[in-house]
Amino acid sequence: MQLQTDIRTWQPPASAATVRNWEKFGCAVPAPQLAPSMWVKLFNPPTAFSFDEAWLLCQCSEQKWLAWIPDYGEILLSTNEFCAT
């Protein structure tokens, strides 16, 4: 008997995200303005055991945010790795 694994990773769409794509992940459309002290939904959590939400701490650049994930710690996220809920 051989075990098979089905590993899927989320990839951001090549073009602008459609309403249907964002709704699939339970994201607000249109996305609200990102701000510190805001919870966001992660498309692909860093580990299988970490939470799927992160708390935004501060914006590091136009596309990067420092965030905190419960039971994981701080992480630098790109804006295409999460959406506002």
N, C-alpha and C. Protein backbone atom coordinates (compact mmCIF):
# COMPACT_ATOMS: atom_id res chain seq x y z
N MET A 1 0.84 -1.18 0.00
CA MET A 1 0.00 0.00 0.00
C MET A 1 0.89 1.24 0.00
N GLN A 2 0.57 2.15 -0.87
CA GLN A 2 1.38 3.35 -1.01
C GLN A 2 0.53 4.57 -0.66
N LEU A 3 1.08 5.43 0.19
CA LEU A 3 0.37 6.65 0.58
C LEU A 3 0.60 7.73 -0.47
N GLN A 4 -0.45 8.46 -0.77
CA GLN A 4 -0.33 9.56 -1.71
C GLN A 4 -0.59 10.86 -0.96
N THR A 5 0.13 11.87 -1.32
CA THR A 5 -0.02 13.17 -0.69
C THR A 5 -0.48 14.18 -1.72
N ASP A 6 -1.43 14.99 -1.34
CA ASP A 6 -1.92 16.04 -2.21
C ASP A 6 -1.55 17.37 -1.57
N ILE A 7 -0.45 17.96 -2.03
CA ILE A 7 0.02 19.22 -1.47
C ILE A 7 -0.38 20.34 -2.41
N ARG A 8 -1.07 21.32 -1.86
CA ARG A 8 -1.49 22.47 -2.66
C ARG A 8 -0.99 23.74 -2.00
N THR A 9 -0.50 24.63 -2.81
CA THR A 9 -0.08 25.93 -2.30
C THR A 9 -0.84 27.00 -3.04
N TRP A 10 -1.15 28.06 -2.33
CA TRP A 10 -1.87 29.17 -2.94
C TRP A 10 -0.90 30.02 -3.73
N GLN A 11 -1.28 30.37 -4.92
CA GLN A 11 -0.49 31.27 -5.75
C GLN A 11 -1.36 32.47 -6.09
N PRO A 12 -0.85 33.69 -5.93
CA PRO A 12 -1.65 34.85 -6.28
C PRO A 12 -1.96 34.85 -7.77
N PRO A 13 -3.16 35.32 -8.15
CA PRO A 13 -3.49 35.34 -9.57
C PRO A 13 -2.54 36.26 -10.34
N ALA A 14 -2.29 35.92 -11.59
CA ALA A 14 -1.38 36.71 -12.42
C ALA A 14 -1.94 38.11 -12.67
N SER A 15 -3.26 38.19 -12.82
CA SER A 15 -3.89 39.50 -13.03
C SER A 15 -4.55 39.94 -11.74
N ALA A 16 -5.23 41.05 -11.79
CA ALA A 16 -5.92 41.55 -10.60
C ALA A 16 -6.93 40.51 -10.12
N ALA A 17 -7.04 40.38 -8.80
CA ALA A 17 -7.95 39.39 -8.21
C ALA A 17 -9.39 39.78 -8.48
N THR A 18 -10.19 38.79 -8.81
CA THR A 18 -11.61 39.05 -9.02
C THR A 18 -12.35 38.90 -7.71
N VAL A 19 -13.55 39.41 -7.68
CA VAL A 19 -14.37 39.31 -6.48
C VAL A 19 -14.52 37.85 -6.07
N ARG A 20 -14.74 36.97 -7.04
CA ARG A 20 -14.93 35.56 -6.74
C ARG A 20 -13.68 34.94 -6.08
N ASN A 21 -12.48 35.29 -6.55
CA ASN A 21 -11.25 34.76 -5.96
C ASN A 21 -11.12 35.17 -4.51
N TRP A 22 -11.37 36.45 -4.20
CA TRP A 22 -11.23 36.92 -2.83
C TRP A 22 -12.32 36.33 -1.93
N GLU A 23 -13.54 36.20 -2.44
CA GLU A 23 -14.62 35.63 -1.64
C GLU A 23 -14.33 34.17 -1.30
N LYS A 24 -13.61 33.47 -2.18
CA LYS A 24 -13.26 32.07 -1.93
C LYS A 24 -12.48 31.93 -0.63
N PHE A 25 -11.68 32.93 -0.30
CA PHE A 25 -10.88 32.91 0.93
C PHE A 25 -11.55 33.65 2.07
N GLY A 26 -12.80 34.11 1.88
CA GLY A 26 -13.51 34.81 2.93
C GLY A 26 -12.99 36.22 3.16
N CYS A 27 -12.45 36.84 2.14
CA CYS A 27 -11.87 38.18 2.27
C CYS A 27 -12.88 39.25 1.92
N ALA A 28 -12.70 40.40 2.53
CA ALA A 28 -13.57 41.54 2.24
C ALA A 28 -13.26 42.09 0.85
N VAL A 29 -14.27 42.40 0.09
CA VAL A 29 -14.09 42.98 -1.23
C VAL A 29 -14.97 44.21 -1.32
N PRO A 30 -14.48 45.41 -1.60
CA PRO A 30 -13.05 45.68 -1.75
C PRO A 30 -12.36 45.64 -0.41
N ALA A 31 -11.08 45.39 -0.44
CA ALA A 31 -10.30 45.26 0.79
C ALA A 31 -10.25 46.60 1.53
N PRO A 32 -10.47 46.57 2.86
CA PRO A 32 -10.33 47.81 3.61
C PRO A 32 -8.86 48.24 3.68
N GLN A 33 -8.64 49.48 4.03
CA GLN A 33 -7.28 50.00 4.17
C GLN A 33 -6.55 49.22 5.26
N LEU A 34 -5.37 48.72 4.97
CA LEU A 34 -4.58 48.00 5.96
C LEU A 34 -4.03 48.99 6.98
N ALA A 35 -3.97 48.55 8.25
CA ALA A 35 -3.49 49.41 9.32
C ALA A 35 -2.93 48.55 10.44
N PRO A 36 -1.99 49.09 11.23
CA PRO A 36 -1.50 48.35 12.39
C PRO A 36 -2.66 47.99 13.32
N SER A 37 -2.47 46.92 14.08
CA SER A 37 -3.48 46.42 15.03
C SER A 37 -4.71 45.87 14.32
N MET A 38 -4.53 45.33 13.14
CA MET A 38 -5.62 44.75 12.36
C MET A 38 -5.35 43.27 12.15
N TRP A 39 -6.37 42.44 12.32
CA TRP A 39 -6.26 41.01 12.03
C TRP A 39 -6.43 40.78 10.55
N VAL A 40 -5.61 39.92 9.96
CA VAL A 40 -5.72 39.55 8.55
C VAL A 40 -5.73 38.03 8.42
N LYS A 41 -6.32 37.56 7.35
CA LYS A 41 -6.42 36.13 7.07
C LYS A 41 -5.24 35.72 6.19
N LEU A 42 -4.50 34.69 6.61
CA LEU A 42 -3.35 34.20 5.84
C LEU A 42 -3.81 33.19 4.80
N PHE A 43 -3.32 33.32 3.58
CA PHE A 43 -3.64 32.35 2.54
C PHE A 43 -2.90 31.04 2.77
N ASN A 44 -1.68 31.13 3.28
CA ASN A 44 -0.85 29.94 3.48
C ASN A 44 -0.07 30.11 4.79
N PRO A 45 -0.61 29.64 5.93
CA PRO A 45 0.09 29.79 7.21
C PRO A 45 1.50 29.20 7.15
N PRO A 46 2.44 29.74 7.95
CA PRO A 46 3.84 29.30 7.87
C PRO A 46 4.06 27.84 8.27
N THR A 47 3.24 27.29 9.15
CA THR A 47 3.35 25.87 9.50
C THR A 47 1.95 25.28 9.57
N ALA A 48 1.88 23.97 9.56
CA ALA A 48 0.58 23.29 9.66
C ALA A 48 -0.06 23.50 11.02
N PHE A 49 0.73 23.90 12.01
CA PHE A 49 0.22 24.04 13.37
C PHE A 49 -0.02 25.48 13.78
N SER A 50 0.33 26.44 12.93
CA SER A 50 0.15 27.85 13.29
C SER A 50 -1.25 28.32 12.91
N PHE A 51 -1.65 29.42 13.50
CA PHE A 51 -2.96 30.00 13.21
C PHE A 51 -3.00 30.48 11.77
N ASP A 52 -4.22 30.64 11.24
CA ASP A 52 -4.38 31.12 9.87
C ASP A 52 -4.70 32.62 9.83
N GLU A 53 -4.48 33.30 10.96
CA GLU A 53 -4.67 34.74 11.03
C GLU A 53 -3.43 35.38 11.65
N ALA A 54 -3.19 36.63 11.29
CA ALA A 54 -2.04 37.36 11.82
C ALA A 54 -2.48 38.76 12.25
N TRP A 55 -1.78 39.32 13.23
CA TRP A 55 -2.03 40.66 13.75
C TRP A 55 -0.97 41.57 13.15
N LEU A 56 -1.38 42.57 12.36
CA LEU A 56 -0.42 43.47 11.74
C LEU A 56 0.20 44.38 12.79
N LEU A 57 1.53 44.43 12.81
CA LEU A 57 2.25 45.27 13.77
C LEU A 57 2.64 46.61 13.15
N CYS A 58 3.33 46.58 12.01
CA CYS A 58 3.71 47.83 11.34
C CYS A 58 4.05 47.54 9.89
N GLN A 59 3.89 48.57 9.08
CA GLN A 59 4.20 48.46 7.65
C GLN A 59 5.68 48.75 7.45
N CYS A 60 6.38 47.83 6.79
CA CYS A 60 7.82 47.98 6.56
C CYS A 60 8.13 48.60 5.19
N SER A 61 7.29 48.35 4.22
CA SER A 61 7.42 48.93 2.88
C SER A 61 6.04 48.91 2.25
N GLU A 62 5.96 49.31 1.00
CA GLU A 62 4.65 49.35 0.34
C GLU A 62 4.00 47.97 0.28
N GLN A 63 4.81 46.92 0.13
CA GLN A 63 4.29 45.57 -0.03
C GLN A 63 4.59 44.62 1.14
N LYS A 64 5.22 45.10 2.21
CA LYS A 64 5.63 44.25 3.33
C LYS A 64 5.08 44.76 4.66
N TRP A 65 4.63 43.82 5.49
CA TRP A 65 4.14 44.13 6.84
C TRP A 65 4.80 43.19 7.84
N LEU A 66 5.18 43.74 8.99
CA LEU A 66 5.61 42.92 10.10
C LEU A 66 4.34 42.52 10.85
N ALA A 67 4.18 41.24 11.11
CA ALA A 67 2.96 40.74 11.74
C ALA A 67 3.32 39.74 12.84
N TRP A 68 2.33 39.44 13.68
CA TRP A 68 2.49 38.45 14.75
C TRP A 68 1.42 37.39 14.57
N ILE A 69 1.84 36.13 14.59
CA ILE A 69 0.93 35.00 14.48
C ILE A 69 0.93 34.27 15.82
N PRO A 70 -0.27 34.08 16.44
CA PRO A 70 -0.32 33.36 17.72
C PRO A 70 0.35 31.99 17.63
N ASP A 71 1.08 31.62 18.65
CA ASP A 71 1.81 30.34 18.73
C ASP A 71 2.88 30.18 17.65
N TYR A 72 3.24 31.27 16.97
CA TYR A 72 4.32 31.22 15.99
C TYR A 72 5.33 32.33 16.26
N GLY A 73 4.85 33.57 16.34
CA GLY A 73 5.72 34.71 16.59
C GLY A 73 5.65 35.72 15.47
N GLU A 74 6.68 36.55 15.39
CA GLU A 74 6.72 37.60 14.37
C GLU A 74 7.12 37.02 13.02
N ILE A 75 6.59 37.66 11.98
CA ILE A 75 6.86 37.22 10.61
C ILE A 75 6.73 38.43 9.69
N LEU A 76 7.51 38.46 8.63
CA LEU A 76 7.42 39.51 7.62
C LEU A 76 6.56 38.95 6.48
N LEU A 77 5.45 39.61 6.19
CA LEU A 77 4.50 39.14 5.18
C LEU A 77 4.44 40.11 4.01
N SER A 78 4.29 39.57 2.82
CA SER A 78 3.99 40.36 1.63
C SER A 78 2.48 40.53 1.56
N THR A 79 2.03 41.63 0.98
CA THR A 79 0.59 41.88 0.93
C THR A 79 -0.17 40.84 0.11
N ASN A 80 0.51 40.08 -0.74
CA ASN A 80 -0.18 39.03 -1.50
C ASN A 80 -0.30 37.72 -0.72
N GLU A 81 0.18 37.70 0.53
CA GLU A 81 0.09 36.50 1.37
C GLU A 81 -1.09 36.54 2.33
N PHE A 82 -1.84 37.63 2.35
CA PHE A 82 -2.97 37.75 3.27
C PHE A 82 -4.01 38.70 2.72
N CYS A 83 -5.17 38.70 3.37
CA CYS A 83 -6.21 39.67 3.03
C CYS A 83 -6.89 40.12 4.31
N ALA A 84 -7.43 41.32 4.26
CA ALA A 84 -8.15 41.86 5.41
C ALA A 84 -9.48 41.12 5.54
N THR A 85 -9.86 40.84 6.76
CA THR A 85 -11.12 40.11 6.96
C THR A 85 -12.21 41.03 7.44
